[in-house]
Amino acid sequence: MSFGAVALYVGRDYPMGTAMRMGPGYFPTILGGLVTLLGLVLAARGLIVQGPSISAPAVAPLIFVLASVALFALTVEDFGIVVAVVGVVVASSLARGRPHWGEILLVSVVMIALAVGLFTKGLGLPFGIWPG
């Protein structure tokens, strides 16, 4: 709910536009509203439905996933999107413990295809595909 509320707060000063001609505030406002609504539904359900208590969170997987996002941000500009995506997949897969290299290879290939197709070709973002 907090992330949704922050998105709503950030998007409030930007012009909304319409569904056909979206302004800069359209996406954060719609997404923030949906995330807030989903958070409210989940919180209400958590208060109504009885279930097992929540155990302490595992900190190591969280650190690996956050580090993988930072790794992407630090490598995409200098090393290209292919190397950055492989770094994200490998670093985030370490959150599970022992890596499964077959899965890492498969996920890397799929994510590279999606990232290159979506970001560089589809959206035209100025990411280099390869180092250099």
N, C-alpha and C. Protein backbone atom coordinates (compact mmCIF):
# COMPACT_ATOMS: atom_id res chain seq x y z
N MET A 1 0.82 -1.18 0.00
CA MET A 1 0.00 0.00 0.00
C MET A 1 0.87 1.25 0.00
N SER A 2 2.01 1.17 0.68
CA SER A 2 2.89 2.33 0.76
C SER A 2 3.47 2.69 -0.60
N PHE A 3 3.90 1.68 -1.36
CA PHE A 3 4.44 1.95 -2.69
C PHE A 3 3.37 2.59 -3.58
N GLY A 4 2.16 2.09 -3.51
CA GLY A 4 1.07 2.65 -4.29
C GLY A 4 0.77 4.08 -3.88
N ALA A 5 0.78 4.33 -2.58
CA ALA A 5 0.53 5.68 -2.09
C ALA A 5 1.63 6.65 -2.54
N VAL A 6 2.87 6.19 -2.52
CA VAL A 6 3.97 7.05 -2.99
C VAL A 6 3.83 7.34 -4.48
N ALA A 7 3.46 6.32 -5.27
CA ALA A 7 3.26 6.54 -6.70
C ALA A 7 2.13 7.52 -6.95
N LEU A 8 1.05 7.42 -6.20
CA LEU A 8 -0.05 8.38 -6.32
C LEU A 8 0.40 9.78 -5.95
N TYR A 9 1.20 9.88 -4.91
CA TYR A 9 1.70 11.19 -4.47
C TYR A 9 2.62 11.80 -5.52
N VAL A 10 3.53 11.00 -6.06
CA VAL A 10 4.48 11.50 -7.06
C VAL A 10 3.75 11.91 -8.34
N GLY A 11 2.77 11.12 -8.75
CA GLY A 11 2.08 11.38 -10.00
C GLY A 11 1.03 12.47 -9.95
N ARG A 12 0.73 13.01 -8.77
CA ARG A 12 -0.36 13.97 -8.64
C ARG A 12 -0.11 15.29 -9.35
N ASP A 13 1.15 15.70 -9.48
CA ASP A 13 1.46 16.99 -10.09
C ASP A 13 1.70 16.90 -11.59
N TYR A 14 1.75 15.71 -12.14
CA TYR A 14 1.98 15.55 -13.56
C TYR A 14 0.66 15.53 -14.31
N PRO A 15 0.65 16.03 -15.54
CA PRO A 15 -0.59 15.97 -16.32
C PRO A 15 -0.98 14.53 -16.63
N MET A 16 -2.26 14.22 -16.48
CA MET A 16 -2.76 12.86 -16.70
C MET A 16 -2.87 12.51 -18.18
N GLY A 17 -3.42 13.38 -18.97
CA GLY A 17 -3.70 13.03 -20.36
C GLY A 17 -4.91 12.13 -20.42
N THR A 18 -5.02 11.36 -21.49
CA THR A 18 -6.13 10.42 -21.66
C THR A 18 -5.56 9.04 -21.92
N ALA A 19 -6.45 8.06 -22.03
CA ALA A 19 -5.98 6.70 -22.31
C ALA A 19 -5.33 6.63 -23.70
N MET A 20 -5.77 7.45 -24.62
CA MET A 20 -5.19 7.45 -25.97
C MET A 20 -3.91 8.29 -26.04
N ARG A 21 -3.83 9.33 -25.24
CA ARG A 21 -2.66 10.21 -25.22
C ARG A 21 -2.23 10.39 -23.77
N MET A 22 -1.53 9.37 -23.28
CA MET A 22 -1.15 9.35 -21.88
C MET A 22 -0.12 10.43 -21.56
N GLY A 23 -0.38 11.13 -20.48
CA GLY A 23 0.57 12.11 -19.99
C GLY A 23 1.53 11.44 -19.01
N PRO A 24 2.51 12.19 -18.52
CA PRO A 24 3.50 11.62 -17.61
C PRO A 24 2.93 11.17 -16.26
N GLY A 25 1.76 11.65 -15.89
CA GLY A 25 1.17 11.25 -14.62
C GLY A 25 0.23 10.06 -14.74
N TYR A 26 -0.09 9.65 -15.96
CA TYR A 26 -1.07 8.59 -16.17
C TYR A 26 -0.61 7.25 -15.58
N PHE A 27 0.57 6.81 -15.98
CA PHE A 27 1.05 5.49 -15.54
C PHE A 27 1.26 5.42 -14.03
N PRO A 28 1.98 6.37 -13.40
CA PRO A 28 2.15 6.24 -11.95
C PRO A 28 0.83 6.34 -11.19
N THR A 29 -0.11 7.13 -11.69
CA THR A 29 -1.38 7.28 -10.99
C THR A 29 -2.21 6.00 -11.08
N ILE A 30 -2.34 5.45 -12.29
CA ILE A 30 -3.12 4.23 -12.47
C ILE A 30 -2.46 3.07 -11.72
N LEU A 31 -1.17 2.90 -11.93
CA LEU A 31 -0.46 1.80 -11.27
C LEU A 31 -0.47 1.97 -9.75
N GLY A 32 -0.25 3.18 -9.28
CA GLY A 32 -0.28 3.45 -7.84
C GLY A 32 -1.64 3.16 -7.24
N GLY A 33 -2.69 3.52 -7.95
CA GLY A 33 -4.04 3.22 -7.47
C GLY A 33 -4.31 1.73 -7.41
N LEU A 34 -3.87 1.00 -8.44
CA LEU A 34 -4.06 -0.45 -8.46
C LEU A 34 -3.26 -1.15 -7.36
N VAL A 35 -2.02 -0.71 -7.16
CA VAL A 35 -1.19 -1.31 -6.11
C VAL A 35 -1.76 -1.01 -4.73
N THR A 36 -2.25 0.20 -4.51
CA THR A 36 -2.87 0.56 -3.24
C THR A 36 -4.13 -0.27 -3.00
N LEU A 37 -4.95 -0.41 -4.03
CA LEU A 37 -6.17 -1.20 -3.92
C LEU A 37 -5.85 -2.66 -3.62
N LEU A 38 -4.87 -3.21 -4.32
CA LEU A 38 -4.46 -4.59 -4.07
C LEU A 38 -3.95 -4.75 -2.63
N GLY A 39 -3.18 -3.78 -2.16
CA GLY A 39 -2.68 -3.82 -0.78
C GLY A 39 -3.81 -3.78 0.23
N LEU A 40 -4.83 -2.96 -0.03
CA LEU A 40 -5.97 -2.90 0.88
C LEU A 40 -6.74 -4.22 0.91
N VAL A 41 -6.93 -4.82 -0.27
CA VAL A 41 -7.63 -6.10 -0.35
C VAL A 41 -6.85 -7.18 0.40
N LEU A 42 -5.54 -7.23 0.18
CA LEU A 42 -4.72 -8.23 0.86
C LEU A 42 -4.68 -8.01 2.37
N ALA A 43 -4.61 -6.74 2.79
CA ALA A 43 -4.61 -6.45 4.22
C ALA A 43 -5.93 -6.85 4.86
N ALA A 44 -7.04 -6.55 4.19
CA ALA A 44 -8.35 -6.93 4.72
C ALA A 44 -8.48 -8.45 4.79
N ARG A 45 -8.02 -9.12 3.76
CA ARG A 45 -8.08 -10.59 3.75
C ARG A 45 -7.22 -11.16 4.88
N GLY A 46 -6.06 -10.55 5.12
CA GLY A 46 -5.19 -11.01 6.19
C GLY A 46 -5.79 -10.84 7.56
N LEU A 47 -6.67 -9.86 7.72
CA LEU A 47 -7.33 -9.66 9.01
C LEU A 47 -8.51 -10.60 9.19
N ILE A 48 -9.09 -11.05 8.09
CA ILE A 48 -10.29 -11.89 8.16
C ILE A 48 -9.96 -13.38 8.21
N VAL A 49 -9.05 -13.81 7.34
CA VAL A 49 -8.74 -15.24 7.19
C VAL A 49 -7.72 -15.67 8.24
N GLN A 50 -8.00 -16.77 8.92
CA GLN A 50 -7.06 -17.32 9.89
C GLN A 50 -6.04 -18.20 9.17
N GLY A 51 -4.82 -18.13 9.57
CA GLY A 51 -3.78 -18.94 8.96
C GLY A 51 -2.57 -19.02 9.87
N PRO A 52 -1.53 -19.70 9.41
CA PRO A 52 -0.33 -19.80 10.24
C PRO A 52 0.34 -18.43 10.39
N SER A 53 1.03 -18.25 11.48
CA SER A 53 1.74 -16.99 11.69
C SER A 53 2.93 -16.89 10.75
N ILE A 54 3.32 -15.68 10.47
CA ILE A 54 4.43 -15.42 9.55
C ILE A 54 5.74 -15.57 10.30
N SER A 55 6.66 -16.32 9.70
CA SER A 55 7.97 -16.50 10.32
C SER A 55 8.86 -15.31 9.97
N ALA A 56 10.01 -15.26 10.60
CA ALA A 56 10.96 -14.18 10.35
C ALA A 56 11.42 -14.22 8.89
N PRO A 57 11.56 -13.06 8.26
CA PRO A 57 11.96 -13.06 6.85
C PRO A 57 13.42 -13.51 6.68
N ALA A 58 13.68 -14.14 5.56
CA ALA A 58 15.05 -14.52 5.23
C ALA A 58 15.74 -13.31 4.63
N VAL A 59 16.79 -12.86 5.24
CA VAL A 59 17.46 -11.63 4.82
C VAL A 59 18.39 -11.87 3.63
N ALA A 60 19.07 -12.99 3.58
CA ALA A 60 20.04 -13.25 2.51
C ALA A 60 19.41 -13.21 1.12
N PRO A 61 18.27 -13.87 0.87
CA PRO A 61 17.67 -13.77 -0.46
C PRO A 61 17.30 -12.33 -0.83
N LEU A 62 16.81 -11.58 0.12
CA LEU A 62 16.47 -10.19 -0.14
C LEU A 62 17.70 -9.39 -0.56
N ILE A 63 18.80 -9.62 0.11
CA ILE A 63 20.05 -8.91 -0.23
C ILE A 63 20.51 -9.29 -1.63
N PHE A 64 20.44 -10.58 -1.98
CA PHE A 64 20.85 -11.00 -3.32
C PHE A 64 19.97 -10.38 -4.41
N VAL A 65 18.68 -10.32 -4.19
CA VAL A 65 17.78 -9.75 -5.19
C VAL A 65 18.02 -8.24 -5.33
N LEU A 66 18.15 -7.55 -4.22
CA LEU A 66 18.44 -6.11 -4.28
C LEU A 66 19.81 -5.85 -4.92
N ALA A 67 20.78 -6.69 -4.61
CA ALA A 67 22.11 -6.54 -5.21
C ALA A 67 22.05 -6.78 -6.71
N SER A 68 21.19 -7.68 -7.15
CA SER A 68 21.09 -7.93 -8.60
C SER A 68 20.53 -6.72 -9.32
N VAL A 69 19.59 -6.01 -8.70
CA VAL A 69 19.05 -4.78 -9.31
C VAL A 69 20.14 -3.71 -9.38
N ALA A 70 20.91 -3.58 -8.31
CA ALA A 70 22.02 -2.61 -8.31
C ALA A 70 23.07 -3.00 -9.34
N LEU A 71 23.34 -4.29 -9.47
CA LEU A 71 24.29 -4.77 -10.47
C LEU A 71 23.85 -4.38 -11.88
N PHE A 72 22.57 -4.53 -12.17
CA PHE A 72 22.05 -4.13 -13.48
C PHE A 72 22.28 -2.64 -13.71
N ALA A 73 21.93 -1.83 -12.72
CA ALA A 73 22.08 -0.38 -12.86
C ALA A 73 23.54 0.02 -13.07
N LEU A 74 24.46 -0.71 -12.43
CA LEU A 74 25.88 -0.36 -12.55
C LEU A 74 26.54 -0.90 -13.82
N THR A 75 25.96 -1.91 -14.45
CA THR A 75 26.62 -2.54 -15.59
C THR A 75 25.98 -2.27 -16.94
N VAL A 76 24.71 -1.89 -16.98
CA VAL A 76 24.02 -1.80 -18.26
C VAL A 76 24.63 -0.75 -19.19
N GLU A 77 25.09 0.34 -18.65
CA GLU A 77 25.63 1.40 -19.51
C GLU A 77 27.00 1.03 -20.09
N ASP A 78 27.86 0.45 -19.29
CA ASP A 78 29.22 0.15 -19.75
C ASP A 78 29.34 -1.20 -20.45
N PHE A 79 28.55 -2.18 -20.03
CA PHE A 79 28.71 -3.54 -20.55
C PHE A 79 27.59 -4.00 -21.47
N GLY A 80 26.55 -3.20 -21.60
CA GLY A 80 25.45 -3.56 -22.49
C GLY A 80 24.38 -4.36 -21.77
N ILE A 81 23.23 -4.42 -22.43
CA ILE A 81 22.07 -5.04 -21.79
C ILE A 81 22.21 -6.55 -21.67
N VAL A 82 22.92 -7.18 -22.58
CA VAL A 82 23.09 -8.64 -22.51
C VAL A 82 23.86 -9.04 -21.26
N VAL A 83 24.99 -8.41 -21.04
CA VAL A 83 25.81 -8.73 -19.86
C VAL A 83 25.07 -8.35 -18.58
N ALA A 84 24.39 -7.21 -18.59
CA ALA A 84 23.66 -6.77 -17.40
C ALA A 84 22.54 -7.74 -17.04
N VAL A 85 21.82 -8.22 -18.03
CA VAL A 85 20.73 -9.17 -17.76
C VAL A 85 21.28 -10.49 -17.24
N VAL A 86 22.36 -10.97 -17.82
CA VAL A 86 22.97 -12.22 -17.32
C VAL A 86 23.42 -12.01 -15.87
N GLY A 87 23.99 -10.86 -15.57
CA GLY A 87 24.40 -10.57 -14.19
C GLY A 87 23.23 -10.58 -13.23
N VAL A 88 22.12 -10.00 -13.64
CA VAL A 88 20.91 -9.98 -12.80
C VAL A 88 20.41 -11.40 -12.56
N VAL A 89 20.34 -12.19 -13.62
CA VAL A 89 19.83 -13.55 -13.48
C VAL A 89 20.73 -14.38 -12.56
N VAL A 90 22.04 -14.29 -12.76
CA VAL A 90 22.96 -15.07 -11.93
C VAL A 90 22.90 -14.60 -10.47
N ALA A 91 22.97 -13.29 -10.25
CA ALA A 91 22.97 -12.77 -8.88
C ALA A 91 21.66 -13.09 -8.16
N SER A 92 20.54 -12.93 -8.85
CA SER A 92 19.26 -13.21 -8.18
C SER A 92 19.04 -14.71 -7.97
N SER A 93 19.62 -15.55 -8.84
CA SER A 93 19.47 -16.99 -8.65
C SER A 93 20.26 -17.48 -7.44
N LEU A 94 21.27 -16.73 -7.05
CA LEU A 94 22.04 -17.10 -5.86
C LEU A 94 21.22 -16.95 -4.58
N ALA A 95 20.10 -16.24 -4.68
CA ALA A 95 19.23 -16.09 -3.51
C ALA A 95 18.62 -17.42 -3.09
N ARG A 96 18.51 -18.37 -4.02
CA ARG A 96 17.96 -19.69 -3.71
C ARG A 96 18.96 -20.59 -3.02
N GLY A 97 20.20 -20.21 -3.00
CA GLY A 97 21.23 -21.08 -2.44
C GLY A 97 22.10 -21.63 -3.55
N ARG A 98 22.07 -22.94 -3.73
CA ARG A 98 22.88 -23.58 -4.76
C ARG A 98 22.31 -23.29 -6.15
N PRO A 99 23.12 -22.71 -7.03
CA PRO A 99 22.60 -22.35 -8.36
C PRO A 99 22.34 -23.58 -9.24
N HIS A 100 21.31 -23.51 -10.05
CA HIS A 100 20.97 -24.53 -11.04
C HIS A 100 21.32 -23.94 -12.41
N TRP A 101 22.48 -24.32 -12.95
CA TRP A 101 23.03 -23.65 -14.12
C TRP A 101 22.17 -23.83 -15.38
N GLY A 102 21.48 -24.94 -15.50
CA GLY A 102 20.59 -25.13 -16.65
C GLY A 102 19.45 -24.12 -16.64
N GLU A 103 18.86 -23.93 -15.46
CA GLU A 103 17.79 -22.94 -15.31
C GLU A 103 18.33 -21.53 -15.55
N ILE A 104 19.51 -21.25 -15.03
CA ILE A 104 20.10 -19.92 -15.20
C ILE A 104 20.32 -19.63 -16.68
N LEU A 105 20.81 -20.61 -17.43
CA LEU A 105 21.03 -20.43 -18.86
C LEU A 105 19.71 -20.18 -19.59
N LEU A 106 18.70 -20.98 -19.29
CA LEU A 106 17.40 -20.83 -19.95
C LEU A 106 16.77 -19.47 -19.62
N VAL A 107 16.76 -19.11 -18.35
CA VAL A 107 16.17 -17.83 -17.95
C VAL A 107 16.96 -16.68 -18.54
N SER A 108 18.29 -16.79 -18.60
CA SER A 108 19.11 -15.73 -19.19
C SER A 108 18.76 -15.52 -20.65
N VAL A 109 18.64 -16.60 -21.41
CA VAL A 109 18.33 -16.48 -22.84
C VAL A 109 16.96 -15.82 -23.03
N VAL A 110 15.98 -16.26 -22.27
CA VAL A 110 14.63 -15.69 -22.39
C VAL A 110 14.63 -14.22 -21.98
N MET A 111 15.28 -13.90 -20.88
CA MET A 111 15.29 -12.51 -20.40
C MET A 111 16.08 -11.59 -21.33
N ILE A 112 17.15 -12.09 -21.93
CA ILE A 112 17.90 -11.29 -22.90
C ILE A 112 17.02 -10.98 -24.10
N ALA A 113 16.33 -12.00 -24.60
CA ALA A 113 15.44 -11.79 -25.75
C ALA A 113 14.35 -10.77 -25.41
N LEU A 114 13.76 -10.90 -24.23
CA LEU A 114 12.72 -9.95 -23.83
C LEU A 114 13.27 -8.54 -23.63
N ALA A 115 14.41 -8.43 -22.96
CA ALA A 115 14.99 -7.11 -22.69
C ALA A 115 15.41 -6.41 -23.97
N VAL A 116 16.09 -7.13 -24.85
CA VAL A 116 16.52 -6.51 -26.11
C VAL A 116 15.30 -6.17 -26.96
N GLY A 117 14.36 -7.11 -27.06
CA GLY A 117 13.18 -6.85 -27.87
C GLY A 117 12.33 -5.72 -27.33
N LEU A 118 12.12 -5.69 -26.04
CA LEU A 118 11.24 -4.68 -25.45
C LEU A 118 11.93 -3.33 -25.31
N PHE A 119 13.09 -3.32 -24.67
CA PHE A 119 13.71 -2.04 -24.34
C PHE A 119 14.42 -1.39 -25.53
N THR A 120 15.25 -2.14 -26.22
CA THR A 120 16.03 -1.50 -27.27
C THR A 120 15.28 -1.42 -28.59
N LYS A 121 14.59 -2.49 -28.96
CA LYS A 121 13.87 -2.48 -30.24
C LYS A 121 12.49 -1.87 -30.10
N GLY A 122 11.70 -2.34 -29.14
CA GLY A 122 10.32 -1.88 -28.99
C GLY A 122 10.21 -0.44 -28.52
N LEU A 123 10.88 -0.11 -27.43
CA LEU A 123 10.80 1.24 -26.87
C LEU A 123 11.88 2.18 -27.39
N GLY A 124 12.88 1.63 -28.05
CA GLY A 124 13.94 2.47 -28.60
C GLY A 124 14.83 3.11 -27.56
N LEU A 125 14.96 2.50 -26.38
CA LEU A 125 15.82 3.07 -25.34
C LEU A 125 17.29 2.93 -25.76
N PRO A 126 18.10 3.90 -25.39
CA PRO A 126 19.48 3.91 -25.87
C PRO A 126 20.44 3.00 -25.10
N PHE A 127 20.04 1.76 -24.87
CA PHE A 127 20.94 0.79 -24.24
C PHE A 127 21.78 0.13 -25.32
N GLY A 128 23.07 -0.01 -25.03
CA GLY A 128 23.89 -0.81 -25.92
C GLY A 128 23.56 -2.28 -25.68
N ILE A 129 23.59 -3.06 -26.73
CA ILE A 129 23.26 -4.47 -26.57
C ILE A 129 24.48 -5.24 -26.06
N TRP A 130 25.64 -4.92 -26.60
CA TRP A 130 26.89 -5.59 -26.22
C TRP A 130 27.84 -4.59 -25.58
N PRO A 131 28.88 -5.07 -24.89
CA PRO A 131 29.87 -4.14 -24.30
C PRO A 131 30.52 -3.28 -25.38
N GLY A 132 30.80 -2.06 -24.98
CA GLY A 132 31.55 -1.21 -25.91
C GLY A 132 30.90 0.00 -26.34
